[in-house]
Amino acid sequence: MGTKTINLMDDAYEMLNKAKLEGESFSDVVRRILGEKRMRLEDFAGAWKDFDTSIYSKLAKRRLADSKKRHEQIRKMFEGL
C-alpha cells in the first residue's frame, strides 16, 4: 500500500488525535471510524448486562403506588356524586 499526504486544520487534527486509541496509527483511526458499518440489533446484545436495574424497579414501584393513590382519590370523588 502506498501513502498519501493530506492537510488537516488544527481542530480536525486534534479531533483525530483524540479519537486515536493506544497503539493506533492515524490510518487505523480513519479506517476504524470511516469503515464503521450500520449497527445491527445483534450488535447491542449484552450492552446493558452491567446496568443497575434496581433504579427502574424503584421507579416502577413508585409509579404503581402513585397510580393507586390517584385511583383512590378519583374513586372517592365519584362516591359523592
C-alpha atoms as a PDB file:
ATOM      1  CA  MET A   1       0.000   0.000   0.000  1.00  0.00           C
ATOM      2  CA  GLY A   2       1.165   3.481  -0.812  1.00  0.00           C
ATOM      3  CA  THR A   3       0.873   6.593   1.307  1.00  0.00           C
ATOM      4  CA  LYS A   4      -0.770   9.963   0.732  1.00  0.00           C
ATOM      5  CA  THR A   5      -0.063  13.280   2.370  1.00  0.00           C
ATOM      6  CA  ILE A   6      -3.127  15.225   3.494  1.00  0.00           C
ATOM      7  CA  ASN A   7      -3.550  18.609   5.139  1.00  0.00           C
ATOM      8  CA  LEU A   8      -5.754  18.992   8.191  1.00  0.00           C
ATOM      9  CA  MET A   9      -6.831  22.109  10.014  1.00  0.00           C
ATOM     10  CA  ASP A  10      -5.574  22.182  13.607  1.00  0.00           C
ATOM     11  CA  ASP A  11      -9.011  21.447  15.064  1.00  0.00           C
ATOM     12  CA  ALA A  12      -9.504  18.465  12.731  1.00  0.00           C
ATOM     13  CA  TYR A  13      -6.080  17.121  13.694  1.00  0.00           C
ATOM     14  CA  GLU A  14      -6.948  17.443  17.402  1.00  0.00           C
ATOM     15  CA  MET A  15     -10.229  15.594  16.869  1.00  0.00           C
ATOM     16  CA  LEU A  16      -8.454  12.803  15.010  1.00  0.00           C
ATOM     17  CA  ASN A  17      -5.717  12.651  17.624  1.00  0.00           C
ATOM     18  CA  LYS A  18      -8.282  12.383  20.459  1.00  0.00           C
ATOM     19  CA  ALA A  19     -10.022   9.538  18.626  1.00  0.00           C
ATOM     20  CA  LYS A  20      -6.760   7.609  18.431  1.00  0.00           C
ATOM     21  CA  LEU A  21      -6.524   4.582  20.686  1.00  0.00           C
ATOM     22  CA  GLU A  22      -3.268   3.445  22.257  1.00  0.00           C
ATOM     23  CA  GLY A  23      -1.020   1.883  19.630  1.00  0.00           C
ATOM     24  CA  GLU A  24      -3.206   3.056  16.759  1.00  0.00           C
ATOM     25  CA  SER A  25      -1.894   4.949  13.763  1.00  0.00           C
ATOM     26  CA  PHE A  26      -3.838   7.785  12.170  1.00  0.00           C
ATOM     27  CA  SER A  27      -4.603   5.423   9.279  1.00  0.00           C
ATOM     28  CA  ASP A  28      -6.046   2.938  11.774  1.00  0.00           C
ATOM     29  CA  VAL A  29      -8.265   5.665  13.260  1.00  0.00           C
ATOM     30  CA  VAL A  30      -9.577   6.689   9.853  1.00  0.00           C
ATOM     31  CA  ARG A  31     -10.276   3.047   8.928  1.00  0.00           C
ATOM     32  CA  ARG A  32     -11.989   2.382  12.260  1.00  0.00           C
ATOM     33  CA  ILE A  33     -14.184   5.471  12.164  1.00  0.00           C
ATOM     34  CA  LEU A  34     -14.994   5.658   8.469  1.00  0.00           C
ATOM     35  CA  GLY A  35     -15.170   1.925   7.989  1.00  0.00           C
ATOM     36  CA  GLU A  36     -17.925   1.510  10.581  1.00  0.00           C
ATOM     37  CA  LYS A  37     -20.965  -0.302   9.299  1.00  0.00           C
ATOM     38  CA  ARG A  38     -24.591   0.192  10.255  1.00  0.00           C
ATOM     39  CA  MET A  39     -25.385  -1.233  13.646  1.00  0.00           C
ATOM     40  CA  ARG A  40     -27.471  -4.376  13.757  1.00  0.00           C
ATOM     41  CA  LEU A  41     -29.688  -5.453  16.616  1.00  0.00           C
ATOM     42  CA  GLU A  42     -27.191  -8.209  17.458  1.00  0.00           C
ATOM     43  CA  ASP A  43     -24.508  -5.559  17.988  1.00  0.00           C
ATOM     44  CA  PHE A  44     -26.364  -4.416  21.108  1.00  0.00           C
ATOM     45  CA  ALA A  45     -26.619  -7.871  22.679  1.00  0.00           C
ATOM     46  CA  GLY A  46     -25.276  -7.703  26.212  1.00  0.00           C
ATOM     47  CA  ALA A  47     -24.833  -3.936  26.126  1.00  0.00           C
ATOM     48  CA  TRP A  48     -26.958  -3.476  29.263  1.00  0.00           C
ATOM     49  CA  LYS A  49     -25.704  -6.504  31.186  1.00  0.00           C
ATOM     50  CA  ASP A  50     -23.925  -4.372  33.799  1.00  0.00           C
ATOM     51  CA  PHE A  51     -26.736  -1.830  34.068  1.00  0.00           C
ATOM     52  CA  ASP A  52     -28.208  -1.338  37.550  1.00  0.00           C
ATOM     53  CA  THR A  53     -31.870  -2.251  37.073  1.00  0.00           C
ATOM     54  CA  SER A  54     -32.756  -1.507  40.696  1.00  0.00           C
ATOM     55  CA  ILE A  55     -33.259   2.132  39.706  1.00  0.00           C
ATOM     56  CA  TYR A  56     -36.033   1.133  37.329  1.00  0.00           C
ATOM     57  CA  SER A  57     -37.536  -1.254  39.860  1.00  0.00           C
ATOM     58  CA  LYS A  58     -37.774   1.586  42.386  1.00  0.00           C
ATOM     59  CA  LEU A  59     -39.315   3.908  39.796  1.00  0.00           C
ATOM     60  CA  ALA A  60     -41.848   1.275  38.765  1.00  0.00           C
ATOM     61  CA  LYS A  61     -42.877   0.680  42.389  1.00  0.00           C
ATOM     62  CA  ARG A  62     -43.215   4.422  42.995  1.00  0.00           C
ATOM     63  CA  ARG A  63     -45.311   4.872  39.844  1.00  0.00           C
ATOM     64  CA  LEU A  64     -47.559   1.997  40.874  1.00  0.00           C
ATOM     65  CA  ALA A  65     -48.044   3.496  44.343  1.00  0.00           C
ATOM     66  CA  ASP A  66     -48.793   6.924  42.845  1.00  0.00           C
ATOM     67  CA  SER A  67     -51.236   5.366  40.403  1.00  0.00           C
ATOM     68  CA  LYS A  68     -53.063   3.542  43.200  1.00  0.00           C
ATOM     69  CA  LYS A  69     -53.225   6.781  45.199  1.00  0.00           C
ATOM     70  CA  ARG A  70     -54.698   8.690  42.239  1.00  0.00           C
ATOM     71  CA  HIS A  71     -57.153   5.877  41.585  1.00  0.00           C
ATOM     72  CA  GLU A  72     -58.318   6.042  45.195  1.00  0.00           C
ATOM     73  CA  GLN A  73     -58.696   9.840  45.024  1.00  0.00           C
ATOM     74  CA  ILE A  74     -60.777   9.585  41.858  1.00  0.00           C
ATOM     75  CA  ARG A  75     -62.905   6.805  43.348  1.00  0.00           C
ATOM     76  CA  LYS A  76     -63.654   8.986  46.399  1.00  0.00           C
ATOM     77  CA  MET A  77     -64.589  11.912  44.150  1.00  0.00           C
ATOM     78  CA  PHE A  78     -67.130   9.769  42.311  1.00  0.00           C
ATOM     79  CA  GLU A  79     -68.557   8.296  45.530  1.00  0.00           C
ATOM     80  CA  GLY A  80     -70.004  11.665  46.436  1.00  0.00           C
ATOM     81  CA  LEU A  81     -71.906  12.057  43.156  1.00  0.00           C
END
